[in-house]
Amino acid sequence: MSNSQNKPVYRKVLRGGISAAVFENTHEGRTYRSVNVQRSYRKGNDWVRMSIYLDHEHIPFMQEALDAVWKFLNNEISYGETGTTDEAATEETQQVA
């Protein structure tokens, strides 16, 4: 199941070199959708692309994490607030701090 050979069934391109694409793959008779979020930028004369692949059910969690980081960076959340509800995630967040 490689997304690199498939064309996306949907793609959204935003400012700042940010894009998201939906890929469909079939495995053992089932169709799966995955999402590729990508940031593209120029480094000298070359284009650099950073990508992350997600299963569609992970999108709300990614949105929540990015929203929390956005709030933190804009001083809407103070240091030490993890905002997590999952014990494993709380432990992970505390280890990073």
N, C-alpha and C. Protein backbone atom coordinates (compact mmCIF):
# COMPACT_ATOMS: atom_id res chain seq x y z
N MET A 1 0.83 -1.18 0.00
CA MET A 1 0.00 0.00 0.00
C MET A 1 0.88 1.24 0.00
N SER A 2 1.29 1.68 -1.11
CA SER A 2 2.15 2.85 -1.20
C SER A 2 1.39 4.03 -1.78
N ASN A 3 1.41 5.16 -1.06
CA ASN A 3 0.73 6.35 -1.53
C ASN A 3 1.51 7.07 -2.61
N SER A 4 2.81 6.80 -2.72
CA SER A 4 3.66 7.55 -3.64
C SER A 4 3.28 7.31 -5.09
N GLN A 5 2.66 6.17 -5.42
CA GLN A 5 2.31 5.87 -6.79
C GLN A 5 0.89 6.30 -7.13
N ASN A 6 0.05 6.53 -6.15
CA ASN A 6 -1.34 6.91 -6.36
C ASN A 6 -1.47 8.42 -6.47
N LYS A 7 -2.49 8.85 -7.21
CA LYS A 7 -2.82 10.27 -7.25
C LYS A 7 -3.87 10.52 -6.18
N PRO A 8 -3.83 11.68 -5.53
CA PRO A 8 -4.83 11.96 -4.50
C PRO A 8 -6.23 12.08 -5.09
N VAL A 9 -7.22 11.67 -4.30
CA VAL A 9 -8.61 11.85 -4.71
C VAL A 9 -9.11 13.24 -4.34
N TYR A 10 -8.38 13.91 -3.45
CA TYR A 10 -8.70 15.27 -3.04
C TYR A 10 -7.41 15.93 -2.57
N ARG A 11 -7.26 17.23 -2.89
CA ARG A 11 -6.07 17.96 -2.44
C ARG A 11 -6.45 19.40 -2.16
N LYS A 12 -5.95 19.94 -1.06
CA LYS A 12 -6.16 21.34 -0.68
C LYS A 12 -4.79 21.97 -0.47
N VAL A 13 -4.55 23.08 -1.17
CA VAL A 13 -3.27 23.79 -1.07
C VAL A 13 -3.54 25.14 -0.41
N LEU A 14 -2.73 25.46 0.59
CA LEU A 14 -2.87 26.72 1.32
C LEU A 14 -1.59 27.54 1.21
N ARG A 15 -1.66 28.75 1.74
CA ARG A 15 -0.47 29.61 1.78
C ARG A 15 0.61 28.98 2.64
N GLY A 16 1.81 29.46 2.48
CA GLY A 16 2.92 28.99 3.30
C GLY A 16 3.43 27.62 2.90
N GLY A 17 3.06 27.17 1.72
CA GLY A 17 3.53 25.86 1.26
C GLY A 17 2.87 24.69 1.95
N ILE A 18 1.72 24.92 2.58
CA ILE A 18 1.01 23.86 3.29
C ILE A 18 -0.03 23.23 2.37
N SER A 19 -0.08 21.91 2.36
CA SER A 19 -1.11 21.22 1.58
C SER A 19 -1.52 19.94 2.31
N ALA A 20 -2.70 19.47 1.96
CA ALA A 20 -3.19 18.20 2.49
C ALA A 20 -3.85 17.45 1.35
N ALA A 21 -3.62 16.16 1.29
CA ALA A 21 -4.17 15.34 0.22
C ALA A 21 -4.73 14.05 0.80
N VAL A 22 -5.81 13.57 0.19
CA VAL A 22 -6.44 12.31 0.59
C VAL A 22 -6.11 11.27 -0.47
N PHE A 23 -5.63 10.12 -0.02
CA PHE A 23 -5.30 9.01 -0.91
C PHE A 23 -6.19 7.83 -0.56
N GLU A 24 -6.61 7.09 -1.57
CA GLU A 24 -7.36 5.86 -1.36
C GLU A 24 -6.51 4.68 -1.79
N ASN A 25 -6.49 3.67 -0.95
CA ASN A 25 -5.76 2.44 -1.24
C ASN A 25 -6.67 1.26 -0.96
N THR A 26 -6.53 0.22 -1.75
CA THR A 26 -7.31 -0.99 -1.55
C THR A 26 -6.38 -2.12 -1.16
N HIS A 27 -6.77 -2.82 -0.10
CA HIS A 27 -5.98 -3.94 0.40
C HIS A 27 -6.96 -5.02 0.82
N GLU A 28 -6.80 -6.21 0.26
CA GLU A 28 -7.66 -7.35 0.57
C GLU A 28 -9.14 -6.99 0.44
N GLY A 29 -9.47 -6.26 -0.62
CA GLY A 29 -10.86 -5.94 -0.91
C GLY A 29 -11.45 -4.77 -0.15
N ARG A 30 -10.69 -4.16 0.75
CA ARG A 30 -11.18 -3.01 1.51
C ARG A 30 -10.47 -1.76 1.04
N THR A 31 -11.21 -0.66 1.00
CA THR A 31 -10.63 0.62 0.62
C THR A 31 -10.32 1.41 1.88
N TYR A 32 -9.10 1.91 1.95
CA TYR A 32 -8.64 2.71 3.08
C TYR A 32 -8.30 4.10 2.58
N ARG A 33 -8.52 5.08 3.42
CA ARG A 33 -8.13 6.45 3.10
C ARG A 33 -7.06 6.89 4.08
N SER A 34 -6.05 7.54 3.54
CA SER A 34 -5.03 8.14 4.38
C SER A 34 -4.84 9.58 3.93
N VAL A 35 -4.25 10.35 4.80
CA VAL A 35 -4.06 11.77 4.54
C VAL A 35 -2.57 12.08 4.60
N ASN A 36 -2.13 12.85 3.65
CA ASN A 36 -0.75 13.34 3.63
C ASN A 36 -0.80 14.84 3.85
N VAL A 37 -0.17 15.31 4.93
CA VAL A 37 -0.03 16.74 5.19
C VAL A 37 1.41 17.09 4.85
N GLN A 38 1.58 18.14 4.07
CA GLN A 38 2.91 18.46 3.55
C GLN A 38 3.20 19.95 3.68
N ARG A 39 4.44 20.25 3.98
CA ARG A 39 4.94 21.62 3.94
C ARG A 39 6.08 21.65 2.94
N SER A 40 6.00 22.55 1.98
CA SER A 40 7.04 22.69 0.96
C SER A 40 7.67 24.07 1.09
N TYR A 41 8.98 24.12 0.94
CA TYR A 41 9.68 25.41 0.97
C TYR A 41 10.96 25.31 0.17
N ARG A 42 11.46 26.46 -0.21
CA ARG A 42 12.70 26.51 -0.99
C ARG A 42 13.89 26.65 -0.06
N LYS A 43 14.92 25.88 -0.36
CA LYS A 43 16.19 25.99 0.35
C LYS A 43 17.23 26.15 -0.74
N GLY A 44 17.67 27.38 -0.95
CA GLY A 44 18.54 27.66 -2.09
C GLY A 44 17.74 27.52 -3.36
N ASN A 45 18.22 26.71 -4.28
CA ASN A 45 17.52 26.47 -5.54
C ASN A 45 16.64 25.22 -5.51
N ASP A 46 16.63 24.52 -4.39
CA ASP A 46 15.91 23.25 -4.29
C ASP A 46 14.62 23.41 -3.49
N TRP A 47 13.65 22.57 -3.82
CA TRP A 47 12.43 22.48 -3.03
C TRP A 47 12.60 21.38 -1.99
N VAL A 48 12.23 21.67 -0.77
CA VAL A 48 12.26 20.71 0.32
C VAL A 48 10.81 20.43 0.72
N ARG A 49 10.48 19.18 0.93
CA ARG A 49 9.12 18.80 1.33
C ARG A 49 9.17 17.94 2.59
N MET A 50 8.39 18.34 3.56
CA MET A 50 8.24 17.56 4.79
C MET A 50 6.82 17.01 4.80
N SER A 51 6.68 15.72 5.04
CA SER A 51 5.36 15.09 4.98
C SER A 51 5.08 14.24 6.21
N ILE A 52 3.82 14.12 6.50
CA ILE A 52 3.36 13.18 7.51
C ILE A 52 2.11 12.51 6.96
N TYR A 53 2.03 11.19 7.11
CA TYR A 53 0.86 10.44 6.69
C TYR A 53 0.05 10.07 7.93
N LEU A 54 -1.26 10.26 7.83
CA LEU A 54 -2.18 9.96 8.92
C LEU A 54 -3.33 9.11 8.41
N ASP A 55 -3.84 8.25 9.27
CA ASP A 55 -5.12 7.62 8.98
C ASP A 55 -6.19 8.66 9.25
N HIS A 56 -7.31 8.56 8.57
CA HIS A 56 -8.31 9.62 8.69
C HIS A 56 -8.82 9.80 10.12
N GLU A 57 -8.83 8.74 10.91
CA GLU A 57 -9.33 8.88 12.29
C GLU A 57 -8.36 9.65 13.19
N HIS A 58 -7.13 9.87 12.74
CA HIS A 58 -6.17 10.64 13.53
C HIS A 58 -6.29 12.15 13.32
N ILE A 59 -7.03 12.56 12.31
CA ILE A 59 -7.13 13.99 11.98
C ILE A 59 -7.65 14.83 13.15
N PRO A 60 -8.73 14.43 13.84
CA PRO A 60 -9.20 15.27 14.95
C PRO A 60 -8.16 15.42 16.06
N PHE A 61 -7.36 14.38 16.30
CA PHE A 61 -6.32 14.47 17.32
C PHE A 61 -5.21 15.42 16.89
N MET A 62 -4.85 15.37 15.61
CA MET A 62 -3.85 16.29 15.09
C MET A 62 -4.36 17.73 15.17
N GLN A 63 -5.62 17.93 14.83
CA GLN A 63 -6.21 19.27 14.92
C GLN A 63 -6.16 19.78 16.36
N GLU A 64 -6.50 18.92 17.30
CA GLU A 64 -6.50 19.32 18.71
C GLU A 64 -5.09 19.67 19.18
N ALA A 65 -4.12 18.87 18.78
CA ALA A 65 -2.73 19.13 19.18
C ALA A 65 -2.24 20.45 18.59
N LEU A 66 -2.51 20.68 17.32
CA LEU A 66 -2.07 21.92 16.67
C LEU A 66 -2.78 23.13 17.25
N ASP A 67 -4.06 22.98 17.58
CA ASP A 67 -4.81 24.08 18.19
C ASP A 67 -4.21 24.44 19.55
N ALA A 68 -3.86 23.43 20.34
CA ALA A 68 -3.26 23.68 21.66
C ALA A 68 -1.91 24.38 21.52
N VAL A 69 -1.10 23.94 20.57
CA VAL A 69 0.21 24.57 20.36
C VAL A 69 0.02 26.01 19.89
N TRP A 70 -0.94 26.25 19.01
CA TRP A 70 -1.24 27.60 18.54
C TRP A 70 -1.61 28.51 19.72
N LYS A 71 -2.48 28.00 20.60
CA LYS A 71 -2.88 28.77 21.78
C LYS A 71 -1.69 29.04 22.69
N PHE A 72 -0.84 28.04 22.89
CA PHE A 72 0.34 28.22 23.72
C PHE A 72 1.25 29.30 23.14
N LEU A 73 1.51 29.23 21.84
CA LEU A 73 2.39 30.20 21.20
C LEU A 73 1.82 31.62 21.23
N ASN A 74 0.52 31.74 21.32
CA ASN A 74 -0.13 33.05 21.39
C ASN A 74 -0.51 33.42 22.83
N ASN A 75 0.15 32.76 23.79
CA ASN A 75 0.00 33.05 25.21
C ASN A 75 -1.42 32.88 25.74
N GLU A 76 -2.19 32.01 25.12
CA GLU A 76 -3.52 31.70 25.62
C GLU A 76 -3.49 30.52 26.59
N ILE A 77 -2.38 29.79 26.59
CA ILE A 77 -2.16 28.67 27.51
C ILE A 77 -0.82 28.92 28.18
N SER A 78 -0.76 28.71 29.50
CA SER A 78 0.50 28.97 30.21
C SER A 78 1.35 27.70 30.27
N TYR A 79 2.62 27.89 30.65
CA TYR A 79 3.53 26.75 30.82
C TYR A 79 2.94 25.78 31.84
N GLY A 80 3.12 24.51 31.59
CA GLY A 80 2.67 23.49 32.53
C GLY A 80 1.28 22.96 32.25
N GLU A 81 0.49 23.66 31.43
CA GLU A 81 -0.84 23.15 31.08
C GLU A 81 -0.69 22.17 29.93
N THR A 82 -1.03 20.90 30.17
CA THR A 82 -0.90 19.91 29.09
C THR A 82 -2.18 19.76 28.31
N GLY A 83 -3.31 19.92 28.98
CA GLY A 83 -4.58 19.79 28.30
C GLY A 83 -4.89 18.39 27.81
N THR A 84 -4.20 17.38 28.33
CA THR A 84 -4.41 16.02 27.85
C THR A 84 -5.45 15.31 28.71
N THR A 85 -6.11 14.34 28.12
CA THR A 85 -7.06 13.52 28.86
C THR A 85 -6.59 12.08 28.94
N ASP A 86 -5.56 11.75 28.22
CA ASP A 86 -5.03 10.40 28.16
C ASP A 86 -3.82 10.31 29.08
N GLU A 87 -3.80 9.35 30.01
CA GLU A 87 -2.68 9.23 30.95
C GLU A 87 -1.35 9.02 30.24
N ALA A 88 -1.33 8.18 29.23
CA ALA A 88 -0.08 7.94 28.49
C ALA A 88 0.37 9.22 27.81
N ALA A 89 -0.56 9.97 27.24
CA ALA A 89 -0.21 11.23 26.59
C ALA A 89 0.29 12.23 27.61
N THR A 90 -0.32 12.25 28.82
CA THR A 90 0.12 13.16 29.87
C THR A 90 1.55 12.84 30.27
N GLU A 91 1.87 11.56 30.44
CA GLU A 91 3.23 11.18 30.79
C GLU A 91 4.21 11.59 29.71
N GLU A 92 3.83 11.40 28.45
CA GLU A 92 4.69 11.78 27.33
C GLU A 92 4.93 13.28 27.33
N THR A 93 3.88 14.07 27.55
CA THR A 93 4.00 15.52 27.55
C THR A 93 4.91 15.97 28.67
N GLN A 94 4.77 15.36 29.84
CA GLN A 94 5.60 15.74 30.97
C GLN A 94 7.05 15.39 30.75
N GLN A 95 7.33 14.30 30.05
CA GLN A 95 8.71 13.93 29.78
C GLN A 95 9.38 14.92 28.85
N VAL A 96 8.62 15.50 27.92
CA VAL A 96 9.16 16.47 26.98
C VAL A 96 9.50 17.75 27.71
N ALA A 97 8.69 18.14 28.69
CA ALA A 97 8.85 19.42 29.39
C ALA A 97 10.08 19.47 30.22
